[in-house]
Amino acid sequence: MHMNWSLPTTPPANFGAYRLPNDSLGVSAKTTHRAMRSGKSSGAETSEQLTIKNVYPLKFAAGVRWIGALVALLLLLQCSAAVAQQSGSKSQMGSKLLVATNENDGKEVQNRAVVDRSYVIGPQDVLDINVWKEPELSRTVPVRPDGRISLPLLKDVQAAGLTPNQLAAHITQGLTEFIAGPDVTVIVTTTNSQRIYIVGEMMRPGTYPLSPGMTVLQALSNAGGFTQFASTKNIYVLRQENEKPVKFPFNFKEVIKGKRSEQNISLKTGDTIIVP
């Protein structure tokens, strides 16, 4: 038997078909591998992008909101401090003005009591007794309800019913028995004995202190205004003169219009304003 050991000069007809599946498989495997790597890379990139685009902006926005809130709080605290400082300054200024007004009012009352020789000291008034170069004898004393004051060396001294000058002369005479040439000054620092009364259709009727030179209109301004039933045309002042009541009419509507100004009289202690 003769065998042919020579190689064929042309490839078999199915040579390409035999290699094609292997090549296709290799290409497909490589393509699939590359796709898988590309997919993994794309997935990783997408996750990082989501982290950067979604998480970090949220944290940044939250930080911005906290910073904005802190800035707003600081501005609010500064504004509150500024308002408090302005209020404190206004309060201090108001207190200073009030003190100055009270001091001026006190000086006015004192001058009024010294200059007006017709002023009569009454119970509950406060007197400043000054003996020159005698500080132990000088003091501020109230007039007791019985009309007397207590002084060193002289004990009880009658003050009610006397003017400041009359009381000073009386004290001077009493001190001549103890010191040589006493010089005494009496000043009325508080006029608690000077009272007026407002009754009738007023919001706050009652007893009010009488300031020097107070008029009917000024007194009514202290009583909180009229009620809805007040007859402002028929107001009158009731005063005791020589143990007899005397009536002084006061037409509120006419007086505030500048008419009948003579009805706006100066009040005296014990006067009663009646608003029907």
C-alpha atoms as a PDB file:
ATOM      1  CA  MET A   1       0.000   0.000   0.000  1.00  0.00           C
ATOM      2  CA  HIS A   2       1.409   3.337  -1.066  1.00  0.00           C
ATOM      3  CA  MET A   3       0.779   6.359   1.179  1.00  0.00           C
ATOM      4  CA  ASN A   4       1.040  10.011   0.011  1.00  0.00           C
ATOM      5  CA  TRP A   5       3.089  12.009   2.510  1.00  0.00           C
ATOM      6  CA  SER A   6       3.141  15.299   0.540  1.00  0.00           C
ATOM      7  CA  LEU A   7       1.508  18.425   1.997  1.00  0.00           C
ATOM      8  CA  PRO A   8      -1.419  19.961   0.168  1.00  0.00           C
ATOM      9  CA  THR A   9      -0.574  23.091  -1.762  1.00  0.00           C
ATOM     10  CA  THR A  10      -3.952  24.736  -1.133  1.00  0.00           C
ATOM     11  CA  PRO A  11      -5.810  25.030   2.175  1.00  0.00           C
ATOM     12  CA  PRO A  12      -8.981  23.070   2.707  1.00  0.00           C
ATOM     13  CA  ALA A  13     -12.220  24.629   1.722  1.00  0.00           C
ATOM     14  CA  ASN A  14     -13.412  24.886   5.309  1.00  0.00           C
ATOM     15  CA  PHE A  15     -10.169  26.356   6.573  1.00  0.00           C
ATOM     16  CA  GLY A  16     -11.638  29.853   7.080  1.00  0.00           C
ATOM     17  CA  ALA A  17     -14.715  28.480   8.640  1.00  0.00           C
ATOM     18  CA  TYR A  18     -12.638  26.580  11.109  1.00  0.00           C
ATOM     19  CA  ARG A  19     -10.629  29.602  12.183  1.00  0.00           C
ATOM     20  CA  LEU A  20     -13.462  32.131  12.105  1.00  0.00           C
ATOM     21  CA  PRO A  21     -15.232  30.956  15.239  1.00  0.00           C
ATOM     22  CA  ASN A  22     -12.033  31.012  17.202  1.00  0.00           C
ATOM     23  CA  ASP A  23     -11.167  34.486  15.912  1.00  0.00           C
ATOM     24  CA  SER A  24     -14.690  35.686  16.506  1.00  0.00           C
ATOM     25  CA  LEU A  25     -14.625  34.230  19.952  1.00  0.00           C
ATOM     26  CA  GLY A  26     -11.352  35.940  20.694  1.00  0.00           C
ATOM     27  CA  VAL A  27     -12.538  39.247  19.339  1.00  0.00           C
ATOM     28  CA  SER A  28     -15.810  38.932  21.161  1.00  0.00           C
ATOM     29  CA  ALA A  29     -14.040  38.004  24.365  1.00  0.00           C
ATOM     30  CA  LYS A  30     -11.666  40.896  24.020  1.00  0.00           C
ATOM     31  CA  THR A  31     -14.495  43.214  23.174  1.00  0.00           C
ATOM     32  CA  THR A  32     -16.529  41.921  26.093  1.00  0.00           C
ATOM     33  CA  HIS A  33     -13.567  42.258  28.436  1.00  0.00           C
ATOM     34  CA  ARG A  34     -12.880  45.738  27.261  1.00  0.00           C
ATOM     35  CA  ALA A  35     -16.536  46.609  27.551  1.00  0.00           C
ATOM     36  CA  MET A  36     -16.615  45.219  31.062  1.00  0.00           C
ATOM     37  CA  ARG A  37     -13.548  47.240  32.018  1.00  0.00           C
ATOM     38  CA  SER A  38     -15.021  50.267  30.343  1.00  0.00           C
ATOM     39  CA  GLY A  39     -18.293  49.643  32.144  1.00  0.00           C
ATOM     40  CA  LYS A  40     -16.579  49.363  35.473  1.00  0.00           C
ATOM     41  CA  SER A  41     -14.635  52.510  34.810  1.00  0.00           C
ATOM     42  CA  SER A  42     -17.748  54.327  33.692  1.00  0.00           C
ATOM     43  CA  GLY A  43     -19.611  53.102  36.767  1.00  0.00           C
ATOM     44  CA  ALA A  44     -16.815  54.273  39.046  1.00  0.00           C
ATOM     45  CA  GLU A  45     -16.701  57.626  37.333  1.00  0.00           C
ATOM     46  CA  THR A  46     -20.454  57.983  37.654  1.00  0.00           C
ATOM     47  CA  SER A  47     -20.345  57.245  41.373  1.00  0.00           C
ATOM     48  CA  GLU A  48     -17.614  59.804  41.937  1.00  0.00           C
ATOM     49  CA  GLN A  49     -19.446  62.341  39.855  1.00  0.00           C
ATOM     50  CA  LEU A  50     -22.612  61.734  41.902  1.00  0.00           C
ATOM     51  CA  THR A  51     -20.613  62.181  45.098  1.00  0.00           C
ATOM     52  CA  ILE A  52     -19.146  65.454  43.874  1.00  0.00           C
ATOM     53  CA  LYS A  53     -22.297  66.776  42.244  1.00  0.00           C
ATOM     54  CA  ASN A  54     -24.805  65.708  44.875  1.00  0.00           C
ATOM     55  CA  VAL A  55     -23.158  65.273  48.284  1.00  0.00           C
ATOM     56  CA  TYR A  56     -20.573  68.031  48.270  1.00  0.00           C
ATOM     57  CA  PRO A  57     -22.975  70.748  47.041  1.00  0.00           C
ATOM     58  CA  LEU A  58     -25.412  69.777  49.823  1.00  0.00           C
ATOM     59  CA  LYS A  59     -22.701  70.046  52.440  1.00  0.00           C
ATOM     60  CA  PHE A  60     -21.530  73.331  50.949  1.00  0.00           C
ATOM     61  CA  ALA A  61     -25.078  74.728  50.886  1.00  0.00           C
ATOM     62  CA  ALA A  62     -25.604  73.671  54.496  1.00  0.00           C
ATOM     63  CA  GLY A  63     -22.364  75.388  55.481  1.00  0.00           C
ATOM     64  CA  VAL A  64     -23.434  78.537  53.646  1.00  0.00           C
ATOM     65  CA  ARG A  65     -26.774  78.503  55.479  1.00  0.00           C
ATOM     66  CA  TRP A  66     -25.034  78.153  58.862  1.00  0.00           C
ATOM     67  CA  ILE A  67     -22.677  80.996  58.029  1.00  0.00           C
ATOM     68  CA  GLY A  68     -25.602  83.166  56.894  1.00  0.00           C
ATOM     69  CA  ALA A  69     -27.492  82.404  60.099  1.00  0.00           C
ATOM     70  CA  LEU A  70     -24.463  83.298  62.218  1.00  0.00           C
ATOM     71  CA  VAL A  71     -23.970  86.578  60.324  1.00  0.00           C
ATOM     72  CA  ALA A  72     -27.659  87.445  60.752  1.00  0.00           C
ATOM     73  CA  LEU A  73     -27.448  86.642  64.478  1.00  0.00           C
ATOM     74  CA  LEU A  74     -24.375  88.850  64.882  1.00  0.00           C
ATOM     75  CA  LEU A  75     -26.103  91.719  63.060  1.00  0.00           C
ATOM     76  CA  LEU A  76     -29.193  91.275  65.252  1.00  0.00           C
ATOM     77  CA  LEU A  77     -27.077  91.333  68.410  1.00  0.00           C
ATOM     78  CA  GLN A  78     -25.294  94.468  67.230  1.00  0.00           C
ATOM     79  CA  CYS A  79     -28.599  96.173  66.433  1.00  0.00           C
ATOM     80  CA  SER A  80     -30.005  95.163  69.841  1.00  0.00           C
ATOM     81  CA  ALA A  81     -26.904  96.478  71.590  1.00  0.00           C
ATOM     82  CA  ALA A  82     -27.142  99.744  69.663  1.00  0.00           C
ATOM     83  CA  VAL A  83     -30.834 100.150  70.529  1.00  0.00           C
ATOM     84  CA  ALA A  84     -30.144  99.338  74.186  1.00  0.00           C
ATOM     85  CA  GLN A  85     -27.311 101.849  74.255  1.00  0.00           C
ATOM     86  CA  GLN A  86     -29.503 104.532  72.701  1.00  0.00           C
ATOM     87  CA  SER A  87     -32.294 103.726  75.160  1.00  0.00           C
ATOM     88  CA  GLY A  88     -29.818 103.886  78.034  1.00  0.00           C
ATOM     89  CA  SER A  89     -28.517 107.211  76.785  1.00  0.00           C
ATOM     90  CA  LYS A  90     -32.051 108.536  76.439  1.00  0.00           C
ATOM     91  CA  SER A  91     -32.933 107.241  79.914  1.00  0.00           C
ATOM     92  CA  GLN A  92     -29.837 108.840  81.397  1.00  0.00           C
ATOM     93  CA  MET A  93     -30.605 112.063  79.568  1.00  0.00           C
ATOM     94  CA  GLY A  94     -34.219 111.910  80.742  1.00  0.00           C
ATOM     95  CA  SER A  95     -33.062 111.275  84.306  1.00  0.00           C
ATOM     96  CA  LYS A  96     -30.693 114.212  84.138  1.00  0.00           C
ATOM     97  CA  LEU A  97     -33.446 116.431  82.759  1.00  0.00           C
ATOM     98  CA  LEU A  98     -35.825 115.189  85.453  1.00  0.00           C
ATOM     99  CA  VAL A  99     -33.277 115.908  88.177  1.00  0.00           C
ATOM    100  CA  ALA A 100     -32.627 119.338  86.719  1.00  0.00           C
ATOM    101  CA  THR A 101     -36.377 120.013  86.522  1.00  0.00           C
ATOM    102  CA  ASN A 102     -36.917 118.865  90.088  1.00  0.00           C
ATOM    103  CA  GLU A 103     -34.022 120.986  91.282  1.00  0.00           C
ATOM    104  CA  ASN A 104     -35.403 123.999  89.424  1.00  0.00           C
ATOM    105  CA  ASP A 105     -38.884 123.340  90.754  1.00  0.00           C
ATOM    106  CA  GLY A 106     -37.463 123.035  94.276  1.00  0.00           C
ATOM    107  CA  LYS A 107     -35.572 126.281  93.897  1.00  0.00           C
ATOM    108  CA  GLU A 108     -38.721 127.928  92.555  1.00  0.00           C
ATOM    109  CA  VAL A 109     -40.708 126.732  95.572  1.00  0.00           C
ATOM    110  CA  GLN A 110     -37.981 127.836  97.937  1.00  0.00           C
ATOM    111  CA  ASN A 111     -37.714 131.274  96.362  1.00  0.00           C
ATOM    112  CA  ARG A 112     -41.472 131.555  96.339  1.00  0.00           C
ATOM    113  CA  ALA A 113     -41.659 130.717 100.042  1.00  0.00           C
ATOM    114  CA  VAL A 114     -38.923 133.203 100.962  1.00  0.00           C
ATOM    115  CA  VAL A 115     -39.962 136.061  98.698  1.00  0.00           C
ATOM    116  CA  ASP A 116     -43.729 135.754  99.122  1.00  0.00           C
ATOM    117  CA  ARG A 117     -44.193 137.070 102.642  1.00  0.00           C
ATOM    118  CA  SER A 118     -47.852 136.104 102.584  1.00  0.00           C
ATOM    119  CA  TYR A 119     -47.051 132.380 102.417  1.00  0.00           C
ATOM    120  CA  VAL A 120     -48.250 130.696 105.580  1.00  0.00           C
ATOM    121  CA  ILE A 121     -46.573 127.554 106.890  1.00  0.00           C
ATOM    122  CA  GLY A 122     -48.883 124.638 107.491  1.00  0.00           C
ATOM    123  CA  PRO A 123     -48.785 121.083 108.861  1.00  0.00           C
ATOM    124  CA  GLN A 124     -46.702 118.540 106.916  1.00  0.00           C
ATOM    125  CA  ASP A 125     -44.593 121.270 105.320  1.00  0.00           C
ATOM    126  CA  VAL A 126     -40.835 120.635 105.373  1.00  0.00           C
ATOM    127  CA  LEU A 127     -38.627 123.475 106.619  1.00  0.00           C
ATOM    128  CA  ASP A 128     -34.898 124.055 106.266  1.00  0.00           C
ATOM    129  CA  ILE A 129     -33.718 125.877 109.416  1.00  0.00           C
ATOM    130  CA  ASN A 130     -30.239 127.346 108.953  1.00  0.00           C
ATOM    131  CA  VAL A 131     -28.395 129.039 111.828  1.00  0.00           C
ATOM    132  CA  TRP A 132     -25.271 130.753 110.486  1.00  0.00           C
ATOM    133  CA  LYS A 133     -22.017 129.209 111.802  1.00  0.00           C
ATOM    134  CA  GLU A 134     -24.037 126.849 113.986  1.00  0.00           C
ATOM    135  CA  PRO A 135     -24.236 123.503 112.117  1.00  0.00           C
ATOM    136  CA  GLU A 136     -25.412 121.665 115.235  1.00  0.00           C
ATOM    137  CA  LEU A 137     -28.475 123.887 115.367  1.00  0.00           C
ATOM    138  CA  SER A 138     -29.165 123.847 111.623  1.00  0.00           C
ATOM    139  CA  ARG A 139     -31.404 121.095 110.272  1.00  0.00           C
ATOM    140  CA  THR A 140     -34.333 120.151 108.052  1.00  0.00           C
ATOM    141  CA  VAL A 141     -37.510 119.421 109.986  1.00  0.00           C
ATOM    142  CA  PRO A 142     -41.128 118.571 109.106  1.00  0.00           C
ATOM    143  CA  VAL A 143     -44.025 120.454 110.588  1.00  0.00           C
ATOM    144  CA  ARG A 144     -45.966 118.047 112.747  1.00  0.00           C
ATOM    145  CA  PRO A 145     -49.779 117.701 112.503  1.00  0.00           C
ATOM    146  CA  ASP A 146     -50.039 119.859 115.648  1.00  0.00           C
ATOM    147  CA  GLY A 147     -48.231 122.663 113.776  1.00  0.00           C
ATOM    148  CA  ARG A 148     -44.983 122.524 115.787  1.00  0.00           C
ATOM    149  CA  ILE A 149     -41.355 121.713 114.959  1.00  0.00           C
ATOM    150  CA  SER A 150     -38.600 120.372 117.218  1.00  0.00           C
ATOM    151  CA  LEU A 151     -35.270 122.245 117.482  1.00  0.00           C
ATOM    152  CA  PRO A 152     -32.242 121.902 119.779  1.00  0.00           C
ATOM    153  CA  LEU A 153     -32.236 124.216 122.819  1.00  0.00           C
ATOM    154  CA  LEU A 154     -35.733 125.479 121.992  1.00  0.00           C
ATOM    155  CA  LYS A 155     -37.522 122.128 121.969  1.00  0.00           C
ATOM    156  CA  ASP A 156     -41.035 122.613 120.467  1.00  0.00           C
ATOM    157  CA  VAL A 157     -41.639 125.748 118.412  1.00  0.00           C
ATOM    158  CA  GLN A 158     -44.937 126.767 116.835  1.00  0.00           C
ATOM    159  CA  ALA A 159     -44.525 127.019 113.039  1.00  0.00           C
ATOM    160  CA  ALA A 160     -47.960 126.567 111.474  1.00  0.00           C
ATOM    161  CA  GLY A 161     -49.772 129.830 110.880  1.00  0.00           C
ATOM    162  CA  LEU A 162     -46.519 131.832 110.547  1.00  0.00           C
ATOM    163  CA  THR A 163     -44.686 133.038 107.479  1.00  0.00           C
ATOM    164  CA  PRO A 164     -41.029 131.943 107.056  1.00  0.00           C
ATOM    165  CA  ASN A 165     -39.793 135.380 108.100  1.00  0.00           C
ATOM    166  CA  GLN A 166     -41.999 135.392 111.192  1.00  0.00           C
ATOM    167  CA  LEU A 167     -40.758 131.947 112.198  1.00  0.00           C
ATOM    168  CA  ALA A 168     -37.122 132.991 111.624  1.00  0.00           C
ATOM    169  CA  ALA A 169     -37.602 136.011 113.893  1.00  0.00           C
ATOM    170  CA  HIS A 170     -39.225 133.821 116.543  1.00  0.00           C
ATOM    171  CA  ILE A 171     -36.345 131.318 116.479  1.00  0.00           C
ATOM    172  CA  THR A 172     -33.776 134.119 116.565  1.00  0.00           C
ATOM    173  CA  GLN A 173     -35.372 135.572 119.662  1.00  0.00           C
ATOM    174  CA  GLY A 174     -35.358 132.207 121.399  1.00  0.00           C
ATOM    175  CA  LEU A 175     -31.671 131.502 120.574  1.00  0.00           C
ATOM    176  CA  THR A 176     -30.401 134.837 121.943  1.00  0.00           C
ATOM    177  CA  GLU A 177     -30.522 133.266 125.403  1.00  0.00           C
ATOM    178  CA  PHE A 178     -27.905 130.659 124.351  1.00  0.00           C
ATOM    179  CA  ILE A 179     -25.720 132.238 121.610  1.00  0.00           C
ATOM    180  CA  ALA A 180     -24.725 135.746 120.719  1.00  0.00           C
ATOM    181  CA  GLY A 181     -26.273 137.359 117.660  1.00  0.00           C
ATOM    182  CA  PRO A 182     -27.852 134.326 116.000  1.00  0.00           C
ATOM    183  CA  ASP A 183     -28.637 134.685 112.287  1.00  0.00           C
ATOM    184  CA  VAL A 184     -31.533 132.390 111.326  1.00  0.00           C
ATOM    185  CA  THR A 185     -32.966 131.639 107.889  1.00  0.00           C
ATOM    186  CA  VAL A 186     -36.114 129.593 107.290  1.00  0.00           C
ATOM    187  CA  ILE A 187     -36.784 128.045 103.870  1.00  0.00           C
ATOM    188  CA  VAL A 188     -39.870 126.014 102.973  1.00  0.00           C
ATOM    189  CA  THR A 189     -38.508 123.108 100.914  1.00  0.00           C
ATOM    190  CA  THR A 190     -41.787 121.177 100.524  1.00  0.00           C
ATOM    191  CA  THR A 191     -45.276 122.609 100.692  1.00  0.00           C
ATOM    192  CA  ASN A 192     -47.302 119.549 101.689  1.00  0.00           C
ATOM    193  CA  SER A 193     -49.856 121.600 103.554  1.00  0.00           C
ATOM    194  CA  GLN A 194     -51.019 123.368 100.395  1.00  0.00           C
ATOM    195  CA  ARG A 195     -53.848 121.222  99.031  1.00  0.00           C
ATOM    196  CA  ILE A 196     -56.779 121.612  96.665  1.00  0.00           C
ATOM    197  CA  TYR A 197     -59.701 119.300  95.925  1.00  0.00           C
ATOM    198  CA  ILE A 198     -61.248 118.290  92.613  1.00  0.00           C
ATOM    199  CA  VAL A 199     -64.641 116.560  92.715  1.00  0.00           C
ATOM    200  CA  GLY A 200     -67.349 115.633  90.237  1.00  0.00           C
ATOM    201  CA  GLU A 201     -67.232 114.312  86.679  1.00  0.00           C
ATOM    202  CA  MET A 202     -63.473 113.813  86.352  1.00  0.00           C
ATOM    203  CA  MET A 203     -61.498 110.670  85.580  1.00  0.00           C
ATOM    204  CA  ARG A 204     -59.297 111.088  88.661  1.00  0.00           C
ATOM    205  CA  PRO A 205     -61.026 113.248  91.283  1.00  0.00           C
ATOM    206  CA  GLY A 206     -59.265 113.688  94.594  1.00  0.00           C
ATOM    207  CA  THR A 207     -56.787 115.770  96.574  1.00  0.00           C
ATOM    208  CA  TYR A 208     -53.866 117.419  94.794  1.00  0.00           C
ATOM    209  CA  PRO A 209     -50.903 119.471  96.003  1.00  0.00           C
ATOM    210  CA  LEU A 210     -51.134 123.174  95.312  1.00  0.00           C
ATOM    211  CA  SER A 211     -48.166 124.525  93.379  1.00  0.00           C
ATOM    212  CA  PRO A 212     -47.341 128.233  93.641  1.00  0.00           C
ATOM    213  CA  GLY A 213     -49.470 130.194  91.186  1.00  0.00           C
ATOM    214  CA  MET A 214     -51.546 127.176  90.083  1.00  0.00           C
ATOM    215  CA  THR A 215     -54.658 128.133  88.126  1.00  0.00           C
ATOM    216  CA  VAL A 216     -57.964 126.319  87.677  1.00  0.00           C
ATOM    217  CA  LEU A 217     -57.009 125.117  84.204  1.00  0.00           C
ATOM    218  CA  GLN A 218     -53.693 123.753  85.438  1.00  0.00           C
ATOM    219  CA  ALA A 219     -55.399 121.932  88.293  1.00  0.00           C
ATOM    220  CA  LEU A 220     -57.931 120.304  85.967  1.00  0.00           C
ATOM    221  CA  SER A 221     -55.122 119.022  83.754  1.00  0.00           C
ATOM    222  CA  ASN A 222     -53.944 116.850  86.667  1.00  0.00           C
ATOM    223  CA  ALA A 223     -57.278 115.057  87.084  1.00  0.00           C
ATOM    224  CA  GLY A 224     -57.160 112.890  83.931  1.00  0.00           C
ATOM    225  CA  GLY A 225     -59.819 114.671  81.854  1.00  0.00           C
ATOM    226  CA  PHE A 226     -63.606 114.941  81.995  1.00  0.00           C
ATOM    227  CA  THR A 227     -66.097 112.100  81.874  1.00  0.00           C
ATOM    228  CA  GLN A 228     -68.699 111.951  79.104  1.00  0.00           C
ATOM    229  CA  PHE A 229     -71.320 113.392  81.450  1.00  0.00           C
ATOM    230  CA  ALA A 230     -69.321 116.453  82.555  1.00  0.00           C
ATOM    231  CA  SER A 231     -70.893 119.868  82.087  1.00  0.00           C
ATOM    232  CA  THR A 232     -67.747 121.824  81.251  1.00  0.00           C
ATOM    233  CA  LYS A 233     -69.624 125.112  80.973  1.00  0.00           C
ATOM    234  CA  ASN A 234     -70.795 125.049  84.596  1.00  0.00           C
ATOM    235  CA  ILE A 235     -67.591 124.323  86.513  1.00  0.00           C
ATOM    236  CA  TYR A 236     -66.979 126.457  89.594  1.00  0.00           C
ATOM    237  CA  VAL A 237     -64.461 126.927  92.401  1.00  0.00           C
ATOM    238  CA  LEU A 238     -65.727 126.863  95.975  1.00  0.00           C
ATOM    239  CA  ARG A 239     -63.645 128.836  98.497  1.00  0.00           C
ATOM    240  CA  GLN A 240     -64.046 129.712 102.147  1.00  0.00           C
ATOM    241  CA  GLU A 241     -63.606 133.434 102.817  1.00  0.00           C
ATOM    242  CA  ASN A 242     -64.407 134.892 106.227  1.00  0.00           C
ATOM    243  CA  GLU A 243     -66.050 131.610 107.145  1.00  0.00           C
ATOM    244  CA  LYS A 244     -68.436 131.904 104.218  1.00  0.00           C
ATOM    245  CA  PRO A 245     -68.410 129.911 100.946  1.00  0.00           C
ATOM    246  CA  VAL A 246     -67.685 131.935  97.845  1.00  0.00           C
ATOM    247  CA  LYS A 247     -68.390 130.581  94.349  1.00  0.00           C
ATOM    248  CA  PHE A 248     -66.197 131.419  91.326  1.00  0.00           C
ATOM    249  CA  PRO A 249     -67.612 130.258  87.947  1.00  0.00           C
ATOM    250  CA  PHE A 250     -65.344 128.658  85.324  1.00  0.00           C
ATOM    251  CA  ASN A 251     -66.470 127.998  81.741  1.00  0.00           C
ATOM    252  CA  PHE A 252     -63.924 125.528  80.379  1.00  0.00           C
ATOM    253  CA  LYS A 253     -64.931 125.834  76.722  1.00  0.00           C
ATOM    254  CA  GLU A 254     -64.754 129.616  76.800  1.00  0.00           C
ATOM    255  CA  VAL A 255     -61.424 129.728  78.633  1.00  0.00           C
ATOM    256  CA  ILE A 256     -59.624 127.351  76.250  1.00  0.00           C
ATOM    257  CA  LYS A 257     -60.824 129.528  73.351  1.00  0.00           C
ATOM    258  CA  GLY A 258     -59.114 132.532  74.943  1.00  0.00           C
ATOM    259  CA  LYS A 259     -62.322 134.050  76.210  1.00  0.00           C
ATOM    260  CA  ARG A 260     -63.173 134.896  79.847  1.00  0.00           C
ATOM    261  CA  SER A 261     -59.564 134.484  80.957  1.00  0.00           C
ATOM    262  CA  GLU A 262     -60.483 136.257  84.196  1.00  0.00           C
ATOM    263  CA  GLN A 263     -62.267 133.041  85.251  1.00  0.00           C
ATOM    264  CA  ASN A 264     -58.949 131.155  85.256  1.00  0.00           C
ATOM    265  CA  ILE A 265     -58.099 132.371  88.754  1.00  0.00           C
ATOM    266  CA  SER A 266     -55.135 131.400  90.898  1.00  0.00           C
ATOM    267  CA  LEU A 267     -56.095 128.826  93.470  1.00  0.00           C
ATOM    268  CA  LYS A 268     -55.578 128.983  97.211  1.00  0.00           C
ATOM    269  CA  THR A 269     -55.092 126.201  99.688  1.00  0.00           C
ATOM    270  CA  GLY A 270     -58.361 124.518 100.564  1.00  0.00           C
ATOM    271  CA  ASP A 271     -60.121 125.463  97.298  1.00  0.00           C
ATOM    272  CA  THR A 272     -62.508 122.912  95.832  1.00  0.00           C
ATOM    273  CA  ILE A 273     -63.095 122.640  92.069  1.00  0.00           C
ATOM    274  CA  ILE A 274     -66.525 121.168  91.335  1.00  0.00           C
ATOM    275  CA  VAL A 275     -67.269 119.660  87.920  1.00  0.00           C
ATOM    276  CA  PRO A 276     -71.047 118.959  87.707  1.00  0.00           C
END
